[in-house]
């Protein structure tokens, strides 16, 4: 190698050393905040973390001034839960080896993570067991109780009363998390002493009111299991500059010289979301490499899935809830010529 080649090699070596050793001062490390945007976690956003805008309640109060509520038909989701067995498998497979690689990068002065984040990742182990799959997490208990209390205070004429099984109908799916959600919702609404005496109904399947989509063979065939169309846009989004830019930025902040895979990105984002929902007062180290922009990109990646799987992205989706809407119609028709014994509230957990 000549002098010119040696000089070039030396310059390149110095450049690489600067990149590795000075990473904390590089622009790539900027924009990562200590606080996780807890409202940008798609369907894993905790109820307590969701954006709180009370203006619509004020408008509701103004619109019905002088009137009193007679009936409520409430269809609600379950509280914050543990991952599915399939998701647990992905997290356990991908995250432990990834955390060790991140630790090694940090030891070689690569990446932007702070010491306490690296320490948390090094000691990380799955905060769940297989027996927890799809069950309501402790935070979900408190969320549902809080929501039950909210409805009692919001509509006291209906809910600030003693529980009467002839006036309140409760229904939920065969998923245990929905029965748990119903229990804690009622605990918040009627209190600890009363909820223990409420006899919850037996769940059944198929349930055409709460899980109408799962009871529709055409939906299962044309939407849920149709990877080529339902999830096409989500896959195409991973090929865009927006997504690739986010992957490169997060990978660099973790000290990698090459971009991580989409599966690894999703696993980190998922664990970040779960831990943020379960323990909102402490920051998950898996959130540490994502900027506010990165959270927006990952949430949009999730939204594409649900838009085509559950919403207006597929023309069949709006048609599957006909029996659910008909159930509302029938309940409210019963309120004509109001009688005190008419069922006043239908609480559904899906």
C-alpha atoms as a PDB file:
ATOM      1  CA  UNK A   1       0.000   0.000   0.000  1.00  0.00           C
ATOM      2  CA  UNK A   2       1.412   3.419  -0.982  1.00  0.00           C
ATOM      3  CA  UNK A   3       1.508   6.562   1.127  1.00  0.00           C
ATOM      4  CA  UNK A   4      -1.694   7.854  -0.433  1.00  0.00           C
ATOM      5  CA  UNK A   5      -3.495   4.567   0.282  1.00  0.00           C
ATOM      6  CA  UNK A   6      -2.177   4.498   3.816  1.00  0.00           C
ATOM      7  CA  UNK A   7      -3.297   8.072   4.397  1.00  0.00           C
ATOM      8  CA  UNK A   8      -6.754   7.283   3.034  1.00  0.00           C
ATOM      9  CA  UNK A   9      -7.019   4.202   5.248  1.00  0.00           C
ATOM     10  CA  UNK A  10      -5.913   6.219   8.279  1.00  0.00           C
ATOM     11  CA  UNK A  11      -8.483   8.925   7.546  1.00  0.00           C
ATOM     12  CA  UNK A  12     -11.195   6.302   7.136  1.00  0.00           C
ATOM     13  CA  UNK A  13     -10.203   4.649  10.411  1.00  0.00           C
ATOM     14  CA  UNK A  14     -10.277   7.967  12.245  1.00  0.00           C
ATOM     15  CA  UNK A  15     -13.660   8.732  10.696  1.00  0.00           C
ATOM     16  CA  UNK A  16     -15.101   5.396  11.838  1.00  0.00           C
ATOM     17  CA  UNK A  17     -13.645   5.900  15.317  1.00  0.00           C
ATOM     18  CA  UNK A  18     -15.310   9.320  15.458  1.00  0.00           C
ATOM     19  CA  UNK A  19     -18.630   7.844  14.381  1.00  0.00           C
ATOM     20  CA  UNK A  20     -18.441   5.124  17.018  1.00  0.00           C
ATOM     21  CA  UNK A  21     -17.098   7.172  19.887  1.00  0.00           C
ATOM     22  CA  UNK A  22     -18.951  10.436  19.394  1.00  0.00           C
ATOM     23  CA  UNK A  23     -22.401   8.997  18.711  1.00  0.00           C
ATOM     24  CA  UNK A  24     -24.034  10.756  21.649  1.00  0.00           C
ATOM     25  CA  UNK A  25     -23.344  14.122  20.023  1.00  0.00           C
ATOM     26  CA  UNK A  26     -24.578  13.144  16.551  1.00  0.00           C
ATOM     27  CA  UNK A  27     -27.874  14.490  15.158  1.00  0.00           C
ATOM     28  CA  UNK A  28     -29.256  10.933  15.109  1.00  0.00           C
ATOM     29  CA  UNK A  29     -29.374  11.025  18.913  1.00  0.00           C
ATOM     30  CA  UNK A  30     -31.458  14.170  18.982  1.00  0.00           C
ATOM     31  CA  UNK A  31     -35.231  14.093  19.170  1.00  0.00           C
ATOM     32  CA  UNK A  32     -35.415  11.157  21.569  1.00  0.00           C
ATOM     33  CA  UNK A  33     -37.211  12.394  24.660  1.00  0.00           C
ATOM     34  CA  UNK A  34     -37.229  10.999  28.174  1.00  0.00           C
ATOM     35  CA  UNK A  35     -41.026  10.839  28.087  1.00  0.00           C
ATOM     36  CA  UNK A  36     -42.810   8.257  25.936  1.00  0.00           C
ATOM     37  CA  UNK A  37     -45.787   9.693  23.978  1.00  0.00           C
ATOM     38  CA  UNK A  38     -48.273   7.418  25.720  1.00  0.00           C
ATOM     39  CA  UNK A  39     -51.101   8.425  23.382  1.00  0.00           C
ATOM     40  CA  UNK A  40     -49.298   7.129  20.255  1.00  0.00           C
ATOM     41  CA  UNK A  41     -49.402   3.411  21.025  1.00  0.00           C
ATOM     42  CA  UNK A  42     -52.285   2.442  18.737  1.00  0.00           C
ATOM     43  CA  UNK A  43     -54.586  -0.203  20.248  1.00  0.00           C
ATOM     44  CA  UNK A  44     -52.250  -0.698  23.215  1.00  0.00           C
ATOM     45  CA  UNK A  45     -52.740   2.889  24.393  1.00  0.00           C
ATOM     46  CA  UNK A  46     -53.897   2.631  27.998  1.00  0.00           C
ATOM     47  CA  UNK A  47     -57.213   4.210  28.951  1.00  0.00           C
ATOM     48  CA  UNK A  48     -55.497   6.414  31.527  1.00  0.00           C
ATOM     49  CA  UNK A  49     -52.989   7.525  28.884  1.00  0.00           C
ATOM     50  CA  UNK A  50     -55.480   8.383  26.158  1.00  0.00           C
ATOM     51  CA  UNK A  51     -55.985  12.048  25.335  1.00  0.00           C
ATOM     52  CA  UNK A  52     -58.475  13.530  27.757  1.00  0.00           C
ATOM     53  CA  UNK A  53     -60.740  16.120  26.175  1.00  0.00           C
ATOM     54  CA  UNK A  54     -63.804  16.836  28.256  1.00  0.00           C
ATOM     55  CA  UNK A  55     -65.332  19.320  25.824  1.00  0.00           C
ATOM     56  CA  UNK A  56     -67.625  16.729  24.245  1.00  0.00           C
ATOM     57  CA  UNK A  57     -69.176  15.966  27.642  1.00  0.00           C
ATOM     58  CA  UNK A  58     -69.885  19.669  28.125  1.00  0.00           C
ATOM     59  CA  UNK A  59     -71.555  19.813  24.707  1.00  0.00           C
ATOM     60  CA  UNK A  60     -73.572  16.710  25.597  1.00  0.00           C
ATOM     61  CA  UNK A  61     -74.785  18.307  28.826  1.00  0.00           C
ATOM     62  CA  UNK A  62     -75.843  21.457  26.968  1.00  0.00           C
ATOM     63  CA  UNK A  63     -77.637  19.487  24.242  1.00  0.00           C
ATOM     64  CA  UNK A  64     -79.798  17.500  26.672  1.00  0.00           C
ATOM     65  CA  UNK A  65     -80.449  20.251  29.202  1.00  0.00           C
ATOM     66  CA  UNK A  66     -83.833  19.653  30.770  1.00  0.00           C
ATOM     67  CA  UNK A  67     -83.899  16.001  29.737  1.00  0.00           C
ATOM     68  CA  UNK A  68     -82.959  12.893  31.665  1.00  0.00           C
ATOM     69  CA  UNK A  69     -81.459   9.669  30.360  1.00  0.00           C
ATOM     70  CA  UNK A  70     -83.804   6.686  30.344  1.00  0.00           C
ATOM     71  CA  UNK A  71     -81.670   3.973  28.779  1.00  0.00           C
ATOM     72  CA  UNK A  72     -78.070   3.224  27.905  1.00  0.00           C
ATOM     73  CA  UNK A  73     -76.717   0.685  25.460  1.00  0.00           C
ATOM     74  CA  UNK A  74     -72.976   0.492  26.056  1.00  0.00           C
ATOM     75  CA  UNK A  75     -70.601  -1.566  23.918  1.00  0.00           C
ATOM     76  CA  UNK A  76     -67.077  -1.371  25.313  1.00  0.00           C
ATOM     77  CA  UNK A  77     -63.711  -3.018  24.911  1.00  0.00           C
ATOM     78  CA  UNK A  78     -61.876  -4.952  27.584  1.00  0.00           C
ATOM     79  CA  UNK A  79     -59.151  -3.367  29.697  1.00  0.00           C
ATOM     80  CA  UNK A  80     -55.396  -3.490  29.187  1.00  0.00           C
ATOM     81  CA  UNK A  81     -54.326  -7.088  28.781  1.00  0.00           C
ATOM     82  CA  UNK A  82     -51.336  -9.391  28.389  1.00  0.00           C
ATOM     83  CA  UNK A  83     -50.164 -10.425  24.891  1.00  0.00           C
ATOM     84  CA  UNK A  84     -51.571 -13.386  23.014  1.00  0.00           C
ATOM     85  CA  UNK A  85     -49.634 -16.654  23.069  1.00  0.00           C
ATOM     86  CA  UNK A  86     -48.450 -15.976  19.521  1.00  0.00           C
ATOM     87  CA  UNK A  87     -47.234 -12.480  20.406  1.00  0.00           C
ATOM     88  CA  UNK A  88     -45.528 -13.797  23.532  1.00  0.00           C
ATOM     89  CA  UNK A  89     -43.648 -16.280  21.355  1.00  0.00           C
ATOM     90  CA  UNK A  90     -42.373 -13.517  19.054  1.00  0.00           C
ATOM     91  CA  UNK A  91     -41.304 -11.300  21.955  1.00  0.00           C
ATOM     92  CA  UNK A  92     -39.486 -14.099  23.785  1.00  0.00           C
ATOM     93  CA  UNK A  93     -37.769 -15.227  20.584  1.00  0.00           C
ATOM     94  CA  UNK A  94     -36.562 -11.816  19.374  1.00  0.00           C
ATOM     95  CA  UNK A  95     -36.019  -9.523  22.349  1.00  0.00           C
ATOM     96  CA  UNK A  96     -33.562 -11.359  24.674  1.00  0.00           C
ATOM     97  CA  UNK A  97     -30.886 -11.848  21.971  1.00  0.00           C
ATOM     98  CA  UNK A  98     -31.534  -8.329  20.686  1.00  0.00           C
ATOM     99  CA  UNK A  99     -30.995  -6.869  24.157  1.00  0.00           C
ATOM    100  CA  UNK A 100     -27.609  -8.604  24.378  1.00  0.00           C
ATOM    101  CA  UNK A 101     -26.542  -7.216  21.011  1.00  0.00           C
ATOM    102  CA  UNK A 102     -27.574  -3.730  22.128  1.00  0.00           C
ATOM    103  CA  UNK A 103     -25.489  -4.176  25.285  1.00  0.00           C
ATOM    104  CA  UNK A 104     -22.467  -5.226  23.204  1.00  0.00           C
ATOM    105  CA  UNK A 105     -22.902  -2.170  20.981  1.00  0.00           C
ATOM    106  CA  UNK A 106     -22.927   0.059  24.050  1.00  0.00           C
ATOM    107  CA  UNK A 107     -19.744  -1.545  25.367  1.00  0.00           C
ATOM    108  CA  UNK A 108     -18.096  -0.598  22.082  1.00  0.00           C
ATOM    109  CA  UNK A 109     -19.330   3.002  22.467  1.00  0.00           C
ATOM    110  CA  UNK A 110     -21.924   2.677  19.752  1.00  0.00           C
ATOM    111  CA  UNK A 111     -25.453   3.972  20.056  1.00  0.00           C
ATOM    112  CA  UNK A 112     -27.281   6.704  21.928  1.00  0.00           C
ATOM    113  CA  UNK A 113     -28.794   4.859  24.879  1.00  0.00           C
ATOM    114  CA  UNK A 114     -28.145   6.069  28.387  1.00  0.00           C
ATOM    115  CA  UNK A 115     -26.497   3.816  30.928  1.00  0.00           C
ATOM    116  CA  UNK A 116     -29.692   3.114  32.893  1.00  0.00           C
ATOM    117  CA  UNK A 117     -31.542   2.125  29.689  1.00  0.00           C
ATOM    118  CA  UNK A 118     -28.783  -0.296  28.712  1.00  0.00           C
ATOM    119  CA  UNK A 119     -28.782  -1.718  32.234  1.00  0.00           C
ATOM    120  CA  UNK A 120     -32.541  -2.238  32.070  1.00  0.00           C
ATOM    121  CA  UNK A 121     -32.246  -4.022  28.723  1.00  0.00           C
ATOM    122  CA  UNK A 122     -29.362  -6.183  29.925  1.00  0.00           C
ATOM    123  CA  UNK A 123     -31.425  -7.381  32.894  1.00  0.00           C
ATOM    124  CA  UNK A 124     -34.646  -7.623  30.872  1.00  0.00           C
ATOM    125  CA  UNK A 125     -36.750 -10.740  30.986  1.00  0.00           C
ATOM    126  CA  UNK A 126     -40.347 -11.200  29.790  1.00  0.00           C
ATOM    127  CA  UNK A 127     -42.696  -9.708  32.426  1.00  0.00           C
ATOM    128  CA  UNK A 128     -45.298 -12.362  31.713  1.00  0.00           C
ATOM    129  CA  UNK A 129     -45.776 -16.120  31.635  1.00  0.00           C
ATOM    130  CA  UNK A 130     -47.649 -18.257  29.143  1.00  0.00           C
ATOM    131  CA  UNK A 131     -50.496 -18.698  31.626  1.00  0.00           C
ATOM    132  CA  UNK A 132     -51.046 -14.909  31.455  1.00  0.00           C
ATOM    133  CA  UNK A 133     -51.833 -14.950  27.728  1.00  0.00           C
ATOM    134  CA  UNK A 134     -54.748 -12.664  26.809  1.00  0.00           C
ATOM    135  CA  UNK A 135     -55.679 -12.202  30.470  1.00  0.00           C
ATOM    136  CA  UNK A 136     -56.502  -8.809  31.926  1.00  0.00           C
ATOM    137  CA  UNK A 137     -53.418  -7.148  33.391  1.00  0.00           C
ATOM    138  CA  UNK A 138     -53.651  -5.444  36.800  1.00  0.00           C
ATOM    139  CA  UNK A 139     -53.783  -2.030  35.156  1.00  0.00           C
ATOM    140  CA  UNK A 140     -56.819  -3.278  33.228  1.00  0.00           C
ATOM    141  CA  UNK A 141     -58.596  -3.951  36.534  1.00  0.00           C
ATOM    142  CA  UNK A 142     -58.166  -0.354  37.632  1.00  0.00           C
ATOM    143  CA  UNK A 143     -59.037   1.071  34.207  1.00  0.00           C
ATOM    144  CA  UNK A 144     -62.354  -0.749  34.120  1.00  0.00           C
ATOM    145  CA  UNK A 145     -63.216   0.207  37.699  1.00  0.00           C
ATOM    146  CA  UNK A 146     -62.428   3.839  36.915  1.00  0.00           C
ATOM    147  CA  UNK A 147     -64.616   3.785  33.795  1.00  0.00           C
ATOM    148  CA  UNK A 148     -67.465   2.230  35.794  1.00  0.00           C
ATOM    149  CA  UNK A 149     -67.164   5.029  38.352  1.00  0.00           C
ATOM    150  CA  UNK A 150     -67.147   7.598  35.548  1.00  0.00           C
ATOM    151  CA  UNK A 151     -70.446   6.346  34.101  1.00  0.00           C
ATOM    152  CA  UNK A 152     -72.090   6.320  37.527  1.00  0.00           C
ATOM    153  CA  UNK A 153     -71.120   9.962  38.037  1.00  0.00           C
ATOM    154  CA  UNK A 154     -71.971  10.953  34.466  1.00  0.00           C
ATOM    155  CA  UNK A 155     -75.480   9.421  34.475  1.00  0.00           C
ATOM    156  CA  UNK A 156     -76.438   9.250  38.153  1.00  0.00           C
ATOM    157  CA  UNK A 157     -80.148   8.761  37.408  1.00  0.00           C
ATOM    158  CA  UNK A 158     -79.323   5.443  35.767  1.00  0.00           C
ATOM    159  CA  UNK A 159     -76.269   4.215  37.612  1.00  0.00           C
ATOM    160  CA  UNK A 160     -76.203   5.771  41.073  1.00  0.00           C
ATOM    161  CA  UNK A 161     -78.723   3.196  42.264  1.00  0.00           C
ATOM    162  CA  UNK A 162     -78.738  -0.259  43.784  1.00  0.00           C
ATOM    163  CA  UNK A 163     -78.046  -3.017  41.306  1.00  0.00           C
ATOM    164  CA  UNK A 164     -81.222  -4.687  40.042  1.00  0.00           C
ATOM    165  CA  UNK A 165     -80.737  -7.661  37.677  1.00  0.00           C
ATOM    166  CA  UNK A 166     -84.104  -6.980  36.058  1.00  0.00           C
ATOM    167  CA  UNK A 167     -82.961  -3.503  34.998  1.00  0.00           C
ATOM    168  CA  UNK A 168     -79.371  -4.231  34.017  1.00  0.00           C
ATOM    169  CA  UNK A 169     -78.347  -6.744  31.392  1.00  0.00           C
ATOM    170  CA  UNK A 170     -74.683  -7.684  31.182  1.00  0.00           C
ATOM    171  CA  UNK A 171     -73.046  -9.665  28.400  1.00  0.00           C
ATOM    172  CA  UNK A 172     -69.486 -10.538  27.411  1.00  0.00           C
ATOM    173  CA  UNK A 173     -67.650 -12.938  25.138  1.00  0.00           C
ATOM    174  CA  UNK A 174     -66.087 -16.298  25.949  1.00  0.00           C
ATOM    175  CA  UNK A 175     -62.723 -14.563  26.364  1.00  0.00           C
ATOM    176  CA  UNK A 176     -61.890 -14.455  30.065  1.00  0.00           C
ATOM    177  CA  UNK A 177     -60.557 -10.887  29.802  1.00  0.00           C
ATOM    178  CA  UNK A 178     -64.032  -9.621  28.891  1.00  0.00           C
ATOM    179  CA  UNK A 179     -65.661 -11.283  31.909  1.00  0.00           C
ATOM    180  CA  UNK A 180     -62.939  -9.813  34.125  1.00  0.00           C
ATOM    181  CA  UNK A 181     -63.545  -6.410  32.526  1.00  0.00           C
ATOM    182  CA  UNK A 182     -67.273  -6.652  33.231  1.00  0.00           C
ATOM    183  CA  UNK A 183     -66.596  -7.570  36.866  1.00  0.00           C
ATOM    184  CA  UNK A 184     -64.261  -4.632  37.507  1.00  0.00           C
ATOM    185  CA  UNK A 185     -66.506  -2.223  35.592  1.00  0.00           C
ATOM    186  CA  UNK A 186     -69.366  -3.197  37.920  1.00  0.00           C
ATOM    187  CA  UNK A 187     -67.020  -2.931  40.898  1.00  0.00           C
ATOM    188  CA  UNK A 188     -66.330   0.687  40.006  1.00  0.00           C
ATOM    189  CA  UNK A 189     -69.997   1.397  39.353  1.00  0.00           C
ATOM    190  CA  UNK A 190     -71.659  -0.312  42.328  1.00  0.00           C
ATOM    191  CA  UNK A 191     -68.827  -0.814  44.828  1.00  0.00           C
ATOM    192  CA  UNK A 192     -66.848  -3.684  46.323  1.00  0.00           C
ATOM    193  CA  UNK A 193     -69.650  -4.934  48.568  1.00  0.00           C
ATOM    194  CA  UNK A 194     -72.254  -5.156  45.808  1.00  0.00           C
ATOM    195  CA  UNK A 195     -70.185  -6.620  42.984  1.00  0.00           C
ATOM    196  CA  UNK A 196     -69.529  -9.823  44.908  1.00  0.00           C
ATOM    197  CA  UNK A 197     -73.269 -10.509  44.956  1.00  0.00           C
ATOM    198  CA  UNK A 198     -73.857  -9.869  41.246  1.00  0.00           C
ATOM    199  CA  UNK A 199     -74.366 -13.115  39.373  1.00  0.00           C
ATOM    200  CA  UNK A 200     -72.701 -12.737  35.993  1.00  0.00           C
ATOM    201  CA  UNK A 201     -74.225 -14.620  33.052  1.00  0.00           C
ATOM    202  CA  UNK A 202     -72.544 -17.523  31.311  1.00  0.00           C
ATOM    203  CA  UNK A 203     -70.735 -16.526  28.127  1.00  0.00           C
ATOM    204  CA  UNK A 204     -71.694 -18.257  24.892  1.00  0.00           C
ATOM    205  CA  UNK A 205     -70.400 -18.714  21.373  1.00  0.00           C
ATOM    206  CA  UNK A 206     -71.110 -17.811  18.662  1.00  0.00           C
ATOM    207  CA  UNK A 207     -72.107 -14.389  19.930  1.00  0.00           C
ATOM    208  CA  UNK A 208     -73.609 -12.480  17.005  1.00  0.00           C
ATOM    209  CA  UNK A 209     -73.851  -9.245  19.005  1.00  0.00           C
ATOM    210  CA  UNK A 210     -70.310  -8.980  20.380  1.00  0.00           C
ATOM    211  CA  UNK A 211     -68.168 -11.141  18.081  1.00  0.00           C
ATOM    212  CA  UNK A 212     -70.199 -10.941  14.906  1.00  0.00           C
ATOM    213  CA  UNK A 213     -67.079 -10.890  12.750  1.00  0.00           C
ATOM    214  CA  UNK A 214     -65.773 -14.186  14.140  1.00  0.00           C
ATOM    215  CA  UNK A 215     -69.184 -15.750  13.423  1.00  0.00           C
ATOM    216  CA  UNK A 216     -69.074 -14.712   9.763  1.00  0.00           C
ATOM    217  CA  UNK A 217     -67.363 -17.322   7.520  1.00  0.00           C
ATOM    218  CA  UNK A 218     -67.178 -14.866   4.650  1.00  0.00           C
ATOM    219  CA  UNK A 219     -65.369 -12.280   6.788  1.00  0.00           C
ATOM    220  CA  UNK A 220     -62.931 -14.892   8.037  1.00  0.00           C
ATOM    221  CA  UNK A 221     -62.231 -15.988   4.472  1.00  0.00           C
ATOM    222  CA  UNK A 222     -62.191 -12.665   2.614  1.00  0.00           C
ATOM    223  CA  UNK A 223     -60.750 -10.377   5.283  1.00  0.00           C
ATOM    224  CA  UNK A 224     -59.101 -11.999   8.286  1.00  0.00           C
ATOM    225  CA  UNK A 225     -57.255 -14.779   6.454  1.00  0.00           C
ATOM    226  CA  UNK A 226     -56.714 -12.905   3.196  1.00  0.00           C
ATOM    227  CA  UNK A 227     -53.114 -11.753   3.600  1.00  0.00           C
ATOM    228  CA  UNK A 228     -52.762 -10.683  -0.035  1.00  0.00           C
ATOM    229  CA  UNK A 229     -55.340  -7.897   0.190  1.00  0.00           C
ATOM    230  CA  UNK A 230     -56.031  -7.124   3.856  1.00  0.00           C
ATOM    231  CA  UNK A 231     -52.414  -6.625   4.873  1.00  0.00           C
ATOM    232  CA  UNK A 232     -50.997  -5.513   1.516  1.00  0.00           C
ATOM    233  CA  UNK A 233     -50.948  -1.785   2.303  1.00  0.00           C
ATOM    234  CA  UNK A 234     -49.267  -2.417   5.627  1.00  0.00           C
ATOM    235  CA  UNK A 235     -46.495  -4.355   3.899  1.00  0.00           C
ATOM    236  CA  UNK A 236     -46.147  -1.718   1.177  1.00  0.00           C
ATOM    237  CA  UNK A 237     -45.718   0.938   3.858  1.00  0.00           C
ATOM    238  CA  UNK A 238     -42.597  -0.852   5.132  1.00  0.00           C
ATOM    239  CA  UNK A 239     -41.066  -0.254   1.680  1.00  0.00           C
ATOM    240  CA  UNK A 240     -41.547   3.527   1.822  1.00  0.00           C
ATOM    241  CA  UNK A 241     -38.898   6.111   2.678  1.00  0.00           C
ATOM    242  CA  UNK A 242     -40.858   7.119   5.792  1.00  0.00           C
ATOM    243  CA  UNK A 243     -40.596   3.639   7.274  1.00  0.00           C
ATOM    244  CA  UNK A 244     -37.020   2.987   6.128  1.00  0.00           C
ATOM    245  CA  UNK A 245     -35.877   6.323   7.545  1.00  0.00           C
ATOM    246  CA  UNK A 246     -37.402   5.393  10.897  1.00  0.00           C
ATOM    247  CA  UNK A 247     -35.780   1.929  10.879  1.00  0.00           C
ATOM    248  CA  UNK A 248     -32.334   3.361  10.089  1.00  0.00           C
ATOM    249  CA  UNK A 249     -32.647   6.008  12.816  1.00  0.00           C
ATOM    250  CA  UNK A 250     -33.739   3.572  15.534  1.00  0.00           C
ATOM    251  CA  UNK A 251     -31.093   1.028  14.493  1.00  0.00           C
ATOM    252  CA  UNK A 252     -28.349   3.668  14.636  1.00  0.00           C
ATOM    253  CA  UNK A 253     -29.453   4.865  18.074  1.00  0.00           C
ATOM    254  CA  UNK A 254     -29.101   1.287  19.292  1.00  0.00           C
ATOM    255  CA  UNK A 255     -25.577   1.140  17.883  1.00  0.00           C
ATOM    256  CA  UNK A 256     -26.181  -1.088  14.877  1.00  0.00           C
ATOM    257  CA  UNK A 257     -24.238  -0.565  11.653  1.00  0.00           C
ATOM    258  CA  UNK A 258     -27.067  -2.129   9.653  1.00  0.00           C
ATOM    259  CA  UNK A 259     -30.861  -1.699   9.798  1.00  0.00           C
ATOM    260  CA  UNK A 260     -32.852  -4.027  12.015  1.00  0.00           C
ATOM    261  CA  UNK A 261     -35.589  -6.174  10.492  1.00  0.00           C
ATOM    262  CA  UNK A 262     -39.245  -5.155  10.475  1.00  0.00           C
ATOM    263  CA  UNK A 263     -40.014  -8.039  12.864  1.00  0.00           C
ATOM    264  CA  UNK A 264     -37.420  -6.742  15.325  1.00  0.00           C
ATOM    265  CA  UNK A 265     -38.793  -3.206  15.069  1.00  0.00           C
ATOM    266  CA  UNK A 266     -42.342  -4.431  15.700  1.00  0.00           C
ATOM    267  CA  UNK A 267     -41.209  -6.562  18.655  1.00  0.00           C
ATOM    268  CA  UNK A 268     -39.485  -3.585  20.305  1.00  0.00           C
ATOM    269  CA  UNK A 269     -42.464  -1.318  19.661  1.00  0.00           C
ATOM    270  CA  UNK A 270     -44.889  -3.933  20.999  1.00  0.00           C
ATOM    271  CA  UNK A 271     -42.963  -4.501  24.222  1.00  0.00           C
ATOM    272  CA  UNK A 272     -42.611  -0.741  24.615  1.00  0.00           C
ATOM    273  CA  UNK A 273     -46.386  -0.400  24.220  1.00  0.00           C
ATOM    274  CA  UNK A 274     -47.239  -3.172  26.645  1.00  0.00           C
ATOM    275  CA  UNK A 275     -44.905  -1.921  29.366  1.00  0.00           C
ATOM    276  CA  UNK A 276     -46.043   1.693  28.875  1.00  0.00           C
ATOM    277  CA  UNK A 277     -49.672   0.615  29.310  1.00  0.00           C
ATOM    278  CA  UNK A 278     -48.955  -1.581  32.339  1.00  0.00           C
ATOM    279  CA  UNK A 279     -46.601   0.808  34.145  1.00  0.00           C
ATOM    280  CA  UNK A 280     -47.155   4.338  32.756  1.00  0.00           C
ATOM    281  CA  UNK A 281     -45.170   5.966  35.563  1.00  0.00           C
ATOM    282  CA  UNK A 282     -41.887   4.391  34.491  1.00  0.00           C
ATOM    283  CA  UNK A 283     -40.287   4.447  31.078  1.00  0.00           C
ATOM    284  CA  UNK A 284     -39.653   1.153  29.324  1.00  0.00           C
ATOM    285  CA  UNK A 285     -36.118   0.876  27.946  1.00  0.00           C
ATOM    286  CA  UNK A 286     -37.654  -0.577  24.782  1.00  0.00           C
ATOM    287  CA  UNK A 287     -39.122   2.868  24.113  1.00  0.00           C
ATOM    288  CA  UNK A 288     -35.789   4.648  24.481  1.00  0.00           C
ATOM    289  CA  UNK A 289     -34.609   4.554  20.864  1.00  0.00           C
ATOM    290  CA  UNK A 290     -37.871   5.865  19.361  1.00  0.00           C
ATOM    291  CA  UNK A 291     -38.364   9.569  18.681  1.00  0.00           C
ATOM    292  CA  UNK A 292     -41.799  11.188  18.585  1.00  0.00           C
ATOM    293  CA  UNK A 293     -41.704  10.888  14.784  1.00  0.00           C
ATOM    294  CA  UNK A 294     -40.807   7.189  15.044  1.00  0.00           C
ATOM    295  CA  UNK A 295     -43.802   6.563  17.303  1.00  0.00           C
ATOM    296  CA  UNK A 296     -46.052   8.226  14.737  1.00  0.00           C
ATOM    297  CA  UNK A 297     -44.652   6.023  11.963  1.00  0.00           C
ATOM    298  CA  UNK A 298     -45.062   2.834  13.990  1.00  0.00           C
ATOM    299  CA  UNK A 299     -48.589   3.770  15.032  1.00  0.00           C
ATOM    300  CA  UNK A 300     -49.510   4.380  11.396  1.00  0.00           C
ATOM    301  CA  UNK A 301     -48.063   0.955  10.568  1.00  0.00           C
ATOM    302  CA  UNK A 302     -50.458  -0.503  13.135  1.00  0.00           C
ATOM    303  CA  UNK A 303     -53.384   1.616  11.947  1.00  0.00           C
ATOM    304  CA  UNK A 304     -53.064   0.226   8.423  1.00  0.00           C
ATOM    305  CA  UNK A 305     -53.652  -3.254   9.825  1.00  0.00           C
ATOM    306  CA  UNK A 306     -56.816  -2.304  11.690  1.00  0.00           C
ATOM    307  CA  UNK A 307     -58.177  -0.046   8.959  1.00  0.00           C
ATOM    308  CA  UNK A 308     -58.305  -2.885   6.446  1.00  0.00           C
ATOM    309  CA  UNK A 309     -59.027  -5.689   8.919  1.00  0.00           C
ATOM    310  CA  UNK A 310     -61.737  -4.026  11.012  1.00  0.00           C
ATOM    311  CA  UNK A 311     -62.765  -0.713   9.479  1.00  0.00           C
ATOM    312  CA  UNK A 312     -63.736   0.905   6.179  1.00  0.00           C
ATOM    313  CA  UNK A 313     -60.740  -0.452   4.286  1.00  0.00           C
ATOM    314  CA  UNK A 314     -62.809  -3.478   3.272  1.00  0.00           C
ATOM    315  CA  UNK A 315     -66.443  -3.103   2.103  1.00  0.00           C
ATOM    316  CA  UNK A 316     -67.529  -6.184   4.068  1.00  0.00           C
ATOM    317  CA  UNK A 317     -66.532  -4.799   7.474  1.00  0.00           C
ATOM    318  CA  UNK A 318     -69.398  -2.283   7.916  1.00  0.00           C
ATOM    319  CA  UNK A 319     -71.929  -4.973   7.001  1.00  0.00           C
ATOM    320  CA  UNK A 320     -70.988  -7.427   9.727  1.00  0.00           C
ATOM    321  CA  UNK A 321     -72.509  -5.442  12.612  1.00  0.00           C
ATOM    322  CA  UNK A 322     -76.146  -5.501  11.470  1.00  0.00           C
ATOM    323  CA  UNK A 323     -77.345  -7.660  14.360  1.00  0.00           C
ATOM    324  CA  UNK A 324     -75.522  -5.447  16.842  1.00  0.00           C
ATOM    325  CA  UNK A 325     -77.265  -2.331  15.539  1.00  0.00           C
ATOM    326  CA  UNK A 326     -80.578  -4.164  15.503  1.00  0.00           C
ATOM    327  CA  UNK A 327     -80.084  -4.975  19.175  1.00  0.00           C
ATOM    328  CA  UNK A 328     -79.819  -1.246  19.934  1.00  0.00           C
ATOM    329  CA  UNK A 329     -83.007  -0.584  17.988  1.00  0.00           C
ATOM    330  CA  UNK A 330     -84.957  -3.264  19.839  1.00  0.00           C
ATOM    331  CA  UNK A 331     -83.816  -2.091  23.267  1.00  0.00           C
ATOM    332  CA  UNK A 332     -84.743   1.531  22.623  1.00  0.00           C
ATOM    333  CA  UNK A 333     -88.102   0.547  21.147  1.00  0.00           C
ATOM    334  CA  UNK A 334     -88.948  -1.052  24.469  1.00  0.00           C
ATOM    335  CA  UNK A 335     -88.564   2.338  26.157  1.00  0.00           C
ATOM    336  CA  UNK A 336     -91.577   3.779  24.345  1.00  0.00           C
ATOM    337  CA  UNK A 337     -94.341   4.282  26.874  1.00  0.00           C
ATOM    338  CA  UNK A 338     -91.724   4.152  29.645  1.00  0.00           C
ATOM    339  CA  UNK A 339     -92.313   1.705  32.465  1.00  0.00           C
ATOM    340  CA  UNK A 340     -90.153   1.457  35.540  1.00  0.00           C
ATOM    341  CA  UNK A 341     -89.569  -2.240  34.944  1.00  0.00           C
ATOM    342  CA  UNK A 342     -88.201  -1.702  31.423  1.00  0.00           C
ATOM    343  CA  UNK A 343     -84.591  -2.754  31.090  1.00  0.00           C
ATOM    344  CA  UNK A 344     -82.642   0.464  31.398  1.00  0.00           C
ATOM    345  CA  UNK A 345     -79.075  -0.550  30.693  1.00  0.00           C
ATOM    346  CA  UNK A 346     -77.252  -3.032  28.496  1.00  0.00           C
ATOM    347  CA  UNK A 347     -73.550  -3.399  29.299  1.00  0.00           C
ATOM    348  CA  UNK A 348     -71.564  -5.331  26.717  1.00  0.00           C
ATOM    349  CA  UNK A 349     -67.855  -6.194  26.852  1.00  0.00           C
ATOM    350  CA  UNK A 350     -66.094  -7.396  23.703  1.00  0.00           C
END
